[in-house]
Amino acid sequence: MTTQQLTEDHTSLQAYVQELRRQVDGIEVLEPGTGTTRYSHDAATAKTAAASGNPGPAVVLPSSAPEVQTAVRLAAELGVTVVPRGAGSGLSGGATAQQDQVVISTEKLTAIIEVSPLDEVAVVEPGVINADLNKHLESFGLFYAPDPASFDISSIGGNIATNAGGLRCAKYGVTRESILSLDVVLPDGSLITVGHRSIKGVTGLDLTSLIVGSEGILGIVTKATVRLRPIPVARKTVSAFFNSTAEGTDGLAAITLSPVRPAAIEFFDTPSLVNIDAHSGTSLRSRGAALILIEIDGYGIGDQAADLATALSAVGGRVTVESDDDGARLWELRRSGRGLPQDKWYIGEDIAVPKSQLPKVYAAFPALEARFGVDISAVSHAGDGNLHPLITKDKTPDDGANPPASLLEAATELVKVALSLGGTVTGEHGVGTIKREWAALELSEHSREVQHAIKAAIDPQQTLNPGKAI
């Protein structure tokens, strides 16, 4: 970018900030600079952004839907591009922003507007944190089912933007299955409502499903009507340890063929157990070489546990119905127990396959490790076939500042393995900026053309989150 372009962009931003403050008395706007650097990245791109040393973007923190509308409308009028942002916990680069852009953050839109026990819905603003919503719902005997691993820091709006998954998808589905209606600010600043408050509703095209998972390229959600469910009468954690990763994947098939439908089924291969022990000071590996961690809920909890024990023991599992405290500890280790190797190069992935194909993905690791000189492990949401592989490679004095090409090549080949098994390049994190090239491996040229046509029809000026998702 030339000095003249930088000057012009700075002038445009300054004009935007000044005019927005004039139009909306009291709106919080942060000037671009070093004080806004944290708004230039999400969790996936934090390290890269910190290393660049670049100043951050302008940031708008609206406290109402009309303020969001005005901020977006003005950006369209002045030709300033906008990056919508939730809590910044994303793992695909979808909330990255350049210093010539405006970030519109929904972090101040935190109202729980309504809870209706008889309709089993809540109406919330997008800045509500997932865990906070469930704390609020406890007194009503209800809960919001989607639970990404980052549930205690991620916002409902961000979950909607990426169609976030999580641990309980095995039984309750991803975010899309719990979203009934949305208020959305479009790229021209207009506000529309899509979807229905009722459970059923098929009037018009399903624009709700179009917005969910669109990563902020089509609009900014300012209100969501979400579906709730009764808190189960009981929950219990069941663990099953196996002598090898391969035997553990046999256990996954045994669960599917059993009469039990767990709320969550998480699978840990051998190196993942070793990683958690090293990072968290635990001794999981001493109990076995692979672990299936299961949550069952609802009535007949004892019968469910007995049926699972029978099915898993038959394929070599050592089954334990965990105490409440031990179960809570195991789930916490699943969410935050795995460490990232600071002394190695690494890439974290988010692939998914039909769940029957999980054993083939794990079986493909050794050949990829030998071919590219890497190590591969994976924890997976095994109930729906979503893996989170971690690919690492030792650093050498000759590497310089950038990871060796073989690391990315290994990741790309693993993506191709998933695609060959009927899978996808991203199960729940989204495409963002990090996975656009991989998405091109999955989507046909005509499919991409259709998606770009939808974007152009809704956002002809490319105001919202340009260069992301598609």
Protein backbone atom coordinates (compact mmCIF):
# COMPACT_ATOMS: atom_id res chain seq x y z
CA MET A 1 0.00 0.00 0.00
CA THR A 2 1.41 3.42 -0.98
CA THR A 3 1.84 6.39 1.36
CA GLN A 4 -0.93 8.19 -0.55
CA GLN A 5 -3.32 5.27 -0.05
CA LEU A 6 -2.51 5.13 3.65
CA THR A 7 -3.21 8.86 3.95
CA GLU A 8 -6.50 8.53 2.07
CA ASP A 9 -7.60 5.59 4.21
CA HIS A 10 -6.71 7.45 7.39
CA THR A 11 -8.68 10.47 6.20
CA SER A 12 -11.71 8.29 5.41
CA LEU A 13 -11.58 6.70 8.85
CA GLN A 14 -11.24 10.07 10.56
CA ALA A 15 -14.23 11.37 8.61
CA TYR A 16 -16.20 8.27 9.58
CA VAL A 17 -15.37 8.58 13.27
CA GLN A 18 -16.18 12.28 13.40
CA GLU A 19 -19.46 11.94 11.51
CA LEU A 20 -20.60 8.94 13.56
CA ARG A 21 -19.99 10.85 16.78
CA ARG A 22 -21.97 13.75 15.35
CA GLN A 23 -24.91 11.55 14.34
CA VAL A 24 -25.06 9.40 17.50
CA ASP A 25 -24.53 11.32 20.69
CA GLY A 26 -22.59 9.31 23.26
CA ILE A 27 -21.74 6.33 21.07
CA GLU A 28 -18.44 4.75 22.08
CA VAL A 29 -15.87 4.93 19.29
CA LEU A 30 -12.21 4.05 19.68
CA GLU A 31 -9.71 5.81 17.44
CA PRO A 32 -7.46 3.56 15.33
CA GLY A 33 -4.03 2.99 16.83
CA THR A 34 -2.07 0.84 19.24
CA GLY A 35 -4.93 0.97 21.75
CA THR A 36 -7.16 -1.06 19.44
CA THR A 37 -4.69 -3.74 18.37
CA ARG A 38 -6.64 -6.44 20.21
CA TYR A 39 -9.54 -5.79 17.85
CA SER A 40 -7.42 -6.58 14.80
CA HIS A 41 -7.38 -10.32 15.40
CA ASP A 42 -9.28 -13.27 16.80
CA ALA A 43 -7.92 -16.16 18.86
CA ALA A 44 -6.54 -17.88 15.77
CA THR A 45 -4.53 -14.90 14.52
CA ALA A 46 -3.45 -13.30 17.80
CA LYS A 47 0.18 -14.38 17.55
CA THR A 48 0.54 -13.13 13.97
CA ALA A 49 -1.07 -9.80 14.80
CA ALA A 50 1.17 -9.27 17.83
CA ALA A 51 4.27 -10.02 15.77
CA SER A 52 3.29 -7.50 13.08
CA GLY A 53 3.25 -4.56 15.47
CA ASN A 54 0.64 -2.83 13.31
CA PRO A 55 -1.81 -0.37 14.88
CA GLY A 56 -5.38 -1.49 15.25
CA PRO A 57 -8.55 -0.42 13.42
CA ALA A 58 -11.22 2.05 14.41
CA VAL A 59 -13.72 0.37 16.74
CA VAL A 60 -17.39 1.11 17.30
CA LEU A 61 -19.11 -0.31 20.39
CA PRO A 62 -22.84 0.27 19.87
CA SER A 63 -25.27 -0.27 22.73
CA SER A 64 -28.44 -0.66 20.66
CA ALA A 65 -29.66 -1.94 17.30
CA PRO A 66 -30.28 1.62 15.98
CA GLU A 67 -26.66 2.47 16.77
CA VAL A 68 -25.53 -0.59 14.81
CA GLN A 69 -27.71 0.55 11.93
CA THR A 70 -26.26 4.04 11.89
CA ALA A 71 -22.69 2.76 12.13
CA VAL A 72 -23.19 0.37 9.20
CA ARG A 73 -25.15 2.86 7.08
CA LEU A 74 -22.46 5.51 7.47
CA ALA A 75 -19.73 3.04 6.58
CA ALA A 76 -21.56 2.19 3.36
CA GLU A 77 -22.01 5.88 2.53
CA LEU A 78 -18.32 6.69 3.07
CA GLY A 79 -16.93 3.52 1.47
CA VAL A 80 -15.41 2.20 4.70
CA THR A 81 -15.40 -1.57 5.15
CA VAL A 82 -16.69 -3.12 8.37
CA VAL A 83 -15.59 -6.18 10.33
CA PRO A 84 -18.33 -7.47 12.65
CA ARG A 85 -16.97 -8.88 15.91
CA GLY A 86 -18.31 -10.88 18.83
CA ALA A 87 -16.03 -11.91 21.68
CA GLY A 88 -13.00 -12.51 19.44
CA SER A 89 -12.72 -16.17 20.42
CA GLY A 90 -12.97 -17.43 16.83
CA LEU A 91 -10.46 -19.90 15.43
CA SER A 92 -10.49 -19.16 11.70
CA GLY A 93 -9.44 -15.52 11.29
CA GLY A 94 -13.00 -14.41 10.60
CA ALA A 95 -12.76 -11.33 12.84
CA THR A 96 -9.39 -10.06 11.62
CA ALA A 97 -9.32 -6.37 10.71
CA GLN A 98 -6.88 -4.06 8.96
CA GLN A 99 -6.01 -0.59 10.23
CA ASP A 100 -8.08 1.00 7.45
CA GLN A 101 -11.26 -0.81 8.54
CA VAL A 102 -13.92 -0.29 11.18
CA VAL A 103 -14.71 -3.04 13.67
CA ILE A 104 -18.29 -3.04 14.93
CA SER A 105 -18.22 -5.00 18.16
CA THR A 106 -21.40 -6.35 19.73
CA GLU A 107 -19.80 -6.80 23.17
CA LYS A 108 -22.07 -4.18 24.78
CA LEU A 109 -25.28 -5.77 23.46
CA THR A 110 -25.69 -8.09 26.43
CA ALA A 111 -29.37 -8.00 27.32
CA ILE A 112 -31.40 -11.14 27.93
CA ILE A 113 -34.63 -9.57 26.74
CA GLU A 114 -37.08 -12.37 27.47
CA VAL A 115 -37.36 -15.94 28.67
CA SER A 116 -40.62 -17.74 27.87
CA PRO A 117 -40.82 -21.14 29.61
CA LEU A 118 -44.11 -22.05 27.90
CA ASP A 119 -42.71 -21.33 24.44
CA GLU A 120 -39.29 -22.71 25.45
CA VAL A 121 -37.50 -19.74 23.91
CA ALA A 122 -35.29 -16.87 25.00
CA VAL A 123 -34.73 -13.58 23.20
CA VAL A 124 -31.19 -12.29 23.60
CA GLU A 125 -28.77 -9.75 22.24
CA PRO A 126 -25.65 -11.05 20.47
CA GLY A 127 -23.14 -10.03 23.13
CA VAL A 128 -24.57 -12.43 25.71
CA ILE A 129 -21.94 -14.98 26.70
CA ASN A 130 -23.04 -18.57 26.16
CA ALA A 131 -22.35 -19.64 29.76
CA ASP A 132 -24.05 -16.54 31.20
CA LEU A 133 -27.25 -17.37 29.33
CA ASN A 134 -27.33 -20.84 30.85
CA LYS A 135 -26.72 -19.47 34.34
CA HIS A 136 -29.68 -17.16 33.83
CA LEU A 137 -31.87 -20.03 32.60
CA GLU A 138 -31.20 -22.36 35.55
CA SER A 139 -34.00 -20.87 37.65
CA PHE A 140 -36.44 -21.60 34.83
CA GLY A 141 -35.38 -25.25 34.62
CA LEU A 142 -34.21 -24.69 31.03
CA PHE A 143 -30.92 -24.64 29.15
CA TYR A 144 -29.50 -23.52 25.80
CA ALA A 145 -27.99 -26.63 24.26
CA PRO A 146 -25.10 -25.48 22.02
CA ASP A 147 -21.89 -25.60 24.08
CA PRO A 148 -18.66 -24.89 22.22
CA ALA A 149 -15.51 -25.56 24.25
CA SER A 150 -15.19 -21.79 24.61
CA PHE A 151 -18.71 -21.51 26.07
CA ASP A 152 -17.51 -19.46 29.04
CA ILE A 153 -16.01 -16.72 26.83
CA SER A 154 -17.74 -16.95 23.45
CA SER A 155 -20.83 -14.89 22.66
CA ILE A 156 -24.13 -15.99 21.18
CA GLY A 157 -23.57 -13.67 18.22
CA GLY A 158 -20.19 -15.20 17.47
CA ASN A 159 -21.65 -18.68 17.83
CA ILE A 160 -24.32 -17.73 15.30
CA ALA A 161 -21.76 -16.26 12.90
CA THR A 162 -19.79 -19.51 12.75
CA ASN A 163 -22.65 -21.94 13.40
CA ALA A 164 -20.60 -23.11 16.35
CA GLY A 165 -20.78 -26.73 17.40
CA GLY A 166 -19.42 -28.10 20.62
CA LEU A 167 -19.62 -31.15 22.81
CA ARG A 168 -23.37 -31.79 23.02
CA CYS A 169 -23.94 -31.71 19.25
CA ALA A 170 -24.22 -35.50 19.30
CA LYS A 171 -27.70 -35.19 20.77
CA TYR A 172 -28.80 -31.58 20.45
CA GLY A 173 -27.24 -30.40 17.20
CA VAL A 174 -25.15 -27.35 16.33
CA THR A 175 -26.13 -23.69 16.81
CA ARG A 176 -28.39 -23.67 13.73
CA GLU A 177 -30.75 -26.20 15.35
CA SER A 178 -31.34 -23.81 18.26
CA ILE A 179 -31.91 -20.56 16.34
CA LEU A 180 -35.51 -19.69 15.49
CA SER A 181 -35.39 -16.02 14.53
CA LEU A 182 -32.87 -13.22 14.06
CA ASP A 183 -32.88 -9.44 13.77
CA VAL A 184 -30.16 -8.57 11.28
CA VAL A 185 -28.66 -5.25 10.17
CA LEU A 186 -27.93 -5.51 6.46
CA PRO A 187 -24.96 -3.87 4.73
CA ASP A 188 -27.01 -0.78 3.82
CA GLY A 189 -27.99 -0.24 7.45
CA SER A 190 -31.54 -1.51 7.15
CA LEU A 191 -32.91 -3.92 9.77
CA ILE A 192 -34.87 -7.06 8.95
CA THR A 193 -36.26 -9.95 10.95
CA VAL A 194 -35.80 -13.45 9.59
CA GLY A 195 -37.25 -16.72 10.84
CA HIS A 196 -40.12 -17.32 13.27
CA ARG A 197 -40.72 -17.38 16.99
CA SER A 198 -42.73 -20.56 16.52
CA ILE A 199 -40.96 -23.91 16.32
CA LYS A 200 -42.49 -24.52 12.91
CA GLY A 201 -42.53 -21.96 10.10
CA VAL A 202 -41.82 -22.28 6.38
CA THR A 203 -43.00 -18.95 5.00
CA GLY A 204 -40.47 -17.68 2.48
CA LEU A 205 -36.89 -18.77 1.97
CA ASP A 206 -34.96 -19.94 5.02
CA LEU A 207 -32.93 -16.77 5.52
CA THR A 208 -32.22 -17.70 9.14
CA SER A 209 -30.12 -20.66 8.05
CA LEU A 210 -28.43 -18.42 5.48
CA ILE A 211 -27.36 -15.95 8.17
CA VAL A 212 -26.29 -18.63 10.65
CA GLY A 213 -22.74 -19.58 9.71
CA SER A 214 -22.26 -16.68 7.28
CA GLU A 215 -19.36 -15.26 9.33
CA GLY A 216 -20.58 -11.67 9.25
CA ILE A 217 -20.42 -11.22 5.48
CA LEU A 218 -24.19 -10.76 5.04
CA GLY A 219 -25.30 -8.85 8.12
CA ILE A 220 -24.84 -8.15 11.81
CA VAL A 221 -27.18 -9.93 14.23
CA THR A 222 -28.67 -7.61 16.85
CA LYS A 223 -31.23 -9.97 18.41
CA ALA A 224 -31.78 -13.71 18.44
CA THR A 225 -34.72 -15.88 19.45
CA VAL A 226 -33.17 -19.14 20.61
CA ARG A 227 -34.76 -22.47 21.35
CA LEU A 228 -34.47 -23.83 24.89
CA ARG A 229 -34.78 -27.31 26.34
CA PRO A 230 -35.63 -28.63 29.81
CA ILE A 231 -32.61 -29.29 32.00
CA PRO A 232 -32.33 -33.11 32.08
CA VAL A 233 -33.45 -34.80 35.28
CA ALA A 234 -30.01 -36.41 35.52
CA ARG A 235 -26.60 -36.25 33.88
CA LYS A 236 -23.79 -38.75 34.28
CA THR A 237 -20.28 -39.11 32.90
CA VAL A 238 -19.07 -42.48 31.63
CA SER A 239 -15.44 -43.11 30.66
CA ALA A 240 -14.05 -46.00 28.65
CA PHE A 241 -10.31 -46.56 28.28
CA PHE A 242 -8.80 -48.80 25.59
CA ASN A 243 -5.41 -50.35 24.87
CA SER A 244 -4.87 -48.48 21.60
CA THR A 245 -6.28 -45.70 19.45
CA ALA A 246 -7.56 -48.27 16.96
CA GLU A 247 -9.40 -50.22 19.67
CA GLY A 248 -10.88 -46.97 20.91
CA THR A 249 -12.36 -46.20 17.49
CA ASP A 250 -14.02 -49.64 17.63
CA GLY A 251 -15.68 -48.44 20.80
CA LEU A 252 -17.21 -45.53 18.92
CA ALA A 253 -18.98 -47.91 16.59
CA ALA A 254 -20.24 -49.89 19.58
CA ILE A 255 -21.90 -46.77 20.99
CA THR A 256 -23.67 -46.07 17.70
CA LEU A 257 -24.98 -49.64 17.55
CA SER A 258 -26.20 -49.50 21.16
CA PRO A 259 -29.69 -48.23 22.12
CA VAL A 260 -28.18 -45.25 23.99
CA ARG A 261 -27.95 -41.77 22.47
CA PRO A 262 -25.46 -39.81 24.59
CA ALA A 263 -25.48 -36.04 24.79
CA ALA A 264 -21.72 -35.92 24.17
CA ILE A 265 -19.13 -38.41 22.92
CA GLU A 266 -15.50 -37.23 22.96
CA PHE A 267 -12.55 -39.31 21.77
CA PHE A 268 -8.89 -38.92 22.75
CA ASP A 269 -6.11 -40.77 20.94
CA THR A 270 -2.85 -41.80 22.64
CA PRO A 271 -0.77 -38.66 21.98
CA SER A 272 -3.66 -36.46 23.10
CA LEU A 273 -3.74 -38.22 26.48
CA VAL A 274 0.04 -37.78 26.77
CA ASN A 275 -0.34 -34.10 25.89
CA ILE A 276 -3.05 -33.51 28.52
CA ASP A 277 -1.00 -35.28 31.20
CA ALA A 278 2.06 -33.16 30.41
CA HIS A 279 0.07 -29.92 30.29
CA SER A 280 -2.29 -30.52 33.22
CA GLY A 281 -0.35 -32.80 35.56
CA THR A 282 -2.83 -35.65 35.23
CA SER A 283 -2.27 -39.38 34.73
CA LEU A 284 -4.87 -40.32 32.09
CA ARG A 285 -2.36 -42.27 30.05
CA SER A 286 -1.85 -44.69 32.93
CA ARG A 287 -5.50 -45.72 32.59
CA GLY A 288 -5.21 -46.59 28.91
CA ALA A 289 -4.01 -45.58 25.45
CA ALA A 290 -7.30 -44.11 24.23
CA LEU A 291 -10.33 -42.63 25.95
CA ILE A 292 -13.97 -42.23 25.06
CA LEU A 293 -15.59 -39.67 27.36
CA ILE A 294 -19.39 -39.77 27.35
CA GLU A 295 -22.16 -37.70 28.85
CA ILE A 296 -25.58 -39.30 29.16
CA ASP A 297 -28.64 -37.44 30.35
CA GLY A 298 -32.36 -37.77 30.96
CA TYR A 299 -34.51 -40.49 32.50
CA GLY A 300 -33.28 -44.02 33.08
CA ILE A 301 -29.71 -42.88 33.60
CA GLY A 302 -28.77 -46.16 35.28
CA ASP A 303 -30.12 -48.23 32.40
CA GLN A 304 -28.29 -46.06 29.90
CA ALA A 305 -25.01 -46.46 31.79
CA ALA A 306 -25.49 -50.24 32.01
CA ASP A 307 -26.20 -50.56 28.29
CA LEU A 308 -23.13 -48.49 27.44
CA ALA A 309 -20.95 -50.53 29.77
CA THR A 310 -22.12 -53.73 28.10
CA ALA A 311 -21.49 -52.41 24.60
CA LEU A 312 -18.08 -50.90 25.35
CA SER A 313 -16.80 -53.79 27.46
CA ALA A 314 -17.59 -56.16 24.60
CA VAL A 315 -15.00 -54.38 22.43
CA GLY A 316 -12.29 -54.11 25.09
CA GLY A 317 -13.27 -50.95 26.94
CA ARG A 318 -12.61 -50.50 30.65
CA VAL A 319 -15.73 -48.65 31.67
CA THR A 320 -16.22 -46.40 34.69
CA VAL A 321 -19.33 -44.50 35.68
CA GLU A 322 -17.56 -41.46 37.11
CA SER A 323 -18.51 -39.60 40.26
CA ASP A 324 -19.90 -36.10 39.71
CA ASP A 325 -16.62 -34.49 40.78
CA ASP A 326 -14.43 -36.77 38.69
CA GLY A 327 -16.74 -36.34 35.72
CA ALA A 328 -16.58 -32.55 35.99
CA ARG A 329 -12.80 -32.73 36.12
CA LEU A 330 -12.65 -34.89 32.99
CA TRP A 331 -14.87 -32.50 31.07
CA GLU A 332 -12.74 -29.57 32.14
CA LEU A 333 -9.68 -31.42 30.84
CA ARG A 334 -11.50 -31.94 27.56
CA ARG A 335 -12.21 -28.25 27.23
CA SER A 336 -8.90 -26.79 28.35
CA GLY A 337 -6.48 -29.56 29.28
CA ARG A 338 -4.61 -29.87 26.00
CA GLY A 339 -1.55 -27.65 25.62
CA LEU A 340 -0.01 -26.07 22.54
CA PRO A 341 3.71 -26.81 22.05
CA GLN A 342 5.56 -23.52 22.29
CA ASP A 343 8.85 -25.15 21.27
CA LYS A 344 7.46 -26.59 18.02
CA TRP A 345 5.70 -25.45 14.88
CA TYR A 346 2.04 -26.42 14.94
CA ILE A 347 -1.25 -26.18 13.10
CA GLY A 348 -4.63 -26.90 14.65
CA GLU A 349 -7.39 -28.15 12.37
CA ASP A 350 -11.17 -28.57 12.41
CA ILE A 351 -12.17 -31.27 9.94
CA ALA A 352 -15.26 -33.46 9.99
CA VAL A 353 -16.27 -36.73 8.38
CA PRO A 354 -19.28 -39.03 8.58
CA LYS A 355 -18.79 -40.55 12.02
CA SER A 356 -18.42 -44.07 10.61
CA GLN A 357 -15.25 -42.84 8.88
CA LEU A 358 -13.46 -41.65 12.02
CA PRO A 359 -11.33 -44.82 12.30
CA LYS A 360 -9.97 -44.25 8.78
CA VAL A 361 -8.91 -40.70 9.61
CA TYR A 362 -6.97 -41.84 12.67
CA ALA A 363 -5.50 -44.72 10.66
CA ALA A 364 -4.18 -42.21 8.12
CA PHE A 365 -2.03 -40.35 10.67
CA PRO A 366 1.08 -42.64 10.63
CA ALA A 367 1.58 -42.41 6.87
CA LEU A 368 1.26 -38.62 6.94
CA GLU A 369 3.68 -38.41 9.86
CA ALA A 370 6.27 -40.46 7.99
CA ARG A 371 5.79 -38.56 4.74
CA PHE A 372 6.08 -35.04 6.14
CA GLY A 373 8.15 -35.53 9.30
CA VAL A 374 5.36 -34.34 11.60
CA ASP A 375 3.44 -35.62 14.60
CA ILE A 376 -0.36 -35.74 14.50
CA SER A 377 -2.87 -36.18 17.30
CA ALA A 378 -6.58 -35.48 17.46
CA VAL A 379 -9.34 -35.02 19.97
CA SER A 380 -12.73 -35.40 18.35
CA HIS A 381 -16.40 -34.74 18.90
CA ALA A 382 -16.90 -38.35 17.94
CA GLY A 383 -20.67 -38.23 18.22
CA ASP A 384 -20.82 -36.17 15.03
CA GLY A 385 -17.49 -36.95 13.35
CA ASN A 386 -15.75 -33.62 14.03
CA LEU A 387 -11.99 -33.90 14.66
CA HIS A 388 -9.59 -31.29 16.00
CA PRO A 389 -6.17 -32.54 14.86
CA LEU A 390 -2.97 -30.97 16.13
CA ILE A 391 -0.06 -31.23 13.69
CA THR A 392 3.38 -30.44 15.09
CA LYS A 393 6.92 -30.33 13.75
CA ASP A 394 10.22 -29.80 15.51
CA LYS A 395 11.91 -26.45 14.97
CA THR A 396 15.40 -26.32 13.47
CA PRO A 397 17.99 -23.49 13.30
CA ASP A 398 17.40 -23.26 9.54
CA ASP A 399 13.67 -22.56 9.74
CA GLY A 400 13.80 -18.81 10.21
CA ALA A 401 10.65 -16.92 11.18
CA ASN A 402 8.24 -19.00 9.13
CA PRO A 403 7.17 -22.63 9.59
CA PRO A 404 8.50 -25.14 7.06
CA ALA A 405 6.33 -25.79 4.02
CA SER A 406 5.99 -29.44 5.00
CA LEU A 407 3.80 -28.48 7.99
CA LEU A 408 1.16 -26.84 5.81
CA GLU A 409 1.51 -29.62 3.23
CA ALA A 410 0.74 -32.20 5.91
CA ALA A 411 -2.31 -30.21 7.00
CA THR A 412 -3.53 -29.94 3.42
CA GLU A 413 -3.14 -33.68 2.88
CA LEU A 414 -5.10 -34.37 6.05
CA VAL A 415 -7.86 -32.12 4.73
CA LYS A 416 -7.82 -34.13 1.51
CA VAL A 417 -8.17 -37.34 3.53
CA ALA A 418 -11.28 -35.92 5.18
CA LEU A 419 -12.73 -34.86 1.81
CA SER A 420 -12.04 -38.29 0.31
CA LEU A 421 -14.12 -39.83 3.11
CA GLY A 422 -17.11 -37.59 2.45
CA GLY A 423 -16.06 -34.95 4.97
CA THR A 424 -15.47 -31.21 5.12
CA VAL A 425 -12.61 -28.78 5.74
CA THR A 426 -14.35 -27.18 8.72
CA GLY A 427 -16.87 -28.71 11.07
CA GLU A 428 -17.54 -25.77 13.36
CA HIS A 429 -14.84 -23.07 13.32
CA GLY A 430 -15.72 -21.57 9.94
CA VAL A 431 -13.59 -20.65 6.94
CA GLY A 432 -12.58 -17.09 7.89
CA THR A 433 -9.31 -16.19 6.23
CA ILE A 434 -7.33 -19.26 7.26
CA LYS A 435 -9.27 -21.92 5.36
CA ARG A 436 -10.30 -20.23 2.12
CA GLU A 437 -7.84 -22.23 0.03
CA TRP A 438 -8.99 -25.47 1.63
CA ALA A 439 -12.63 -24.52 1.08
CA ALA A 440 -11.83 -24.30 -2.64
CA LEU A 441 -10.88 -27.98 -2.51
CA GLU A 442 -14.35 -28.84 -1.22
CA LEU A 443 -16.68 -26.48 -3.08
CA SER A 444 -17.17 -26.65 -6.82
CA GLU A 445 -16.50 -23.57 -8.92
CA HIS A 446 -20.20 -23.17 -9.62
CA SER A 447 -21.05 -23.49 -5.93
CA ARG A 448 -18.59 -20.72 -5.14
CA GLU A 449 -20.09 -18.57 -7.90
CA VAL A 450 -23.55 -18.97 -6.40
CA GLN A 451 -22.28 -17.97 -2.96
CA HIS A 452 -20.51 -14.90 -4.34
CA ALA A 453 -23.70 -13.97 -6.20
CA ILE A 454 -25.67 -14.07 -2.94
CA LYS A 455 -23.04 -11.90 -1.28
CA ALA A 456 -23.13 -9.42 -4.18
CA ALA A 457 -26.93 -9.23 -4.11
CA ILE A 458 -27.05 -8.42 -0.39
CA ASP A 459 -23.80 -6.45 -0.16
CA PRO A 460 -22.97 -4.99 -3.60
CA GLN A 461 -20.40 -2.57 -2.14
CA GLN A 462 -18.65 -5.38 -0.22
CA THR A 463 -19.04 -3.42 3.00
CA LEU A 464 -19.23 -6.29 5.48
CA ASN A 465 -16.23 -8.51 6.21
CA PRO A 466 -14.80 -8.56 2.67
CA GLY A 467 -12.41 -11.38 1.88
CA LYS A 468 -13.78 -13.72 4.51
CA ALA A 469 -15.67 -17.04 4.43
CA ILE A 470 -16.17 -17.43 0.66
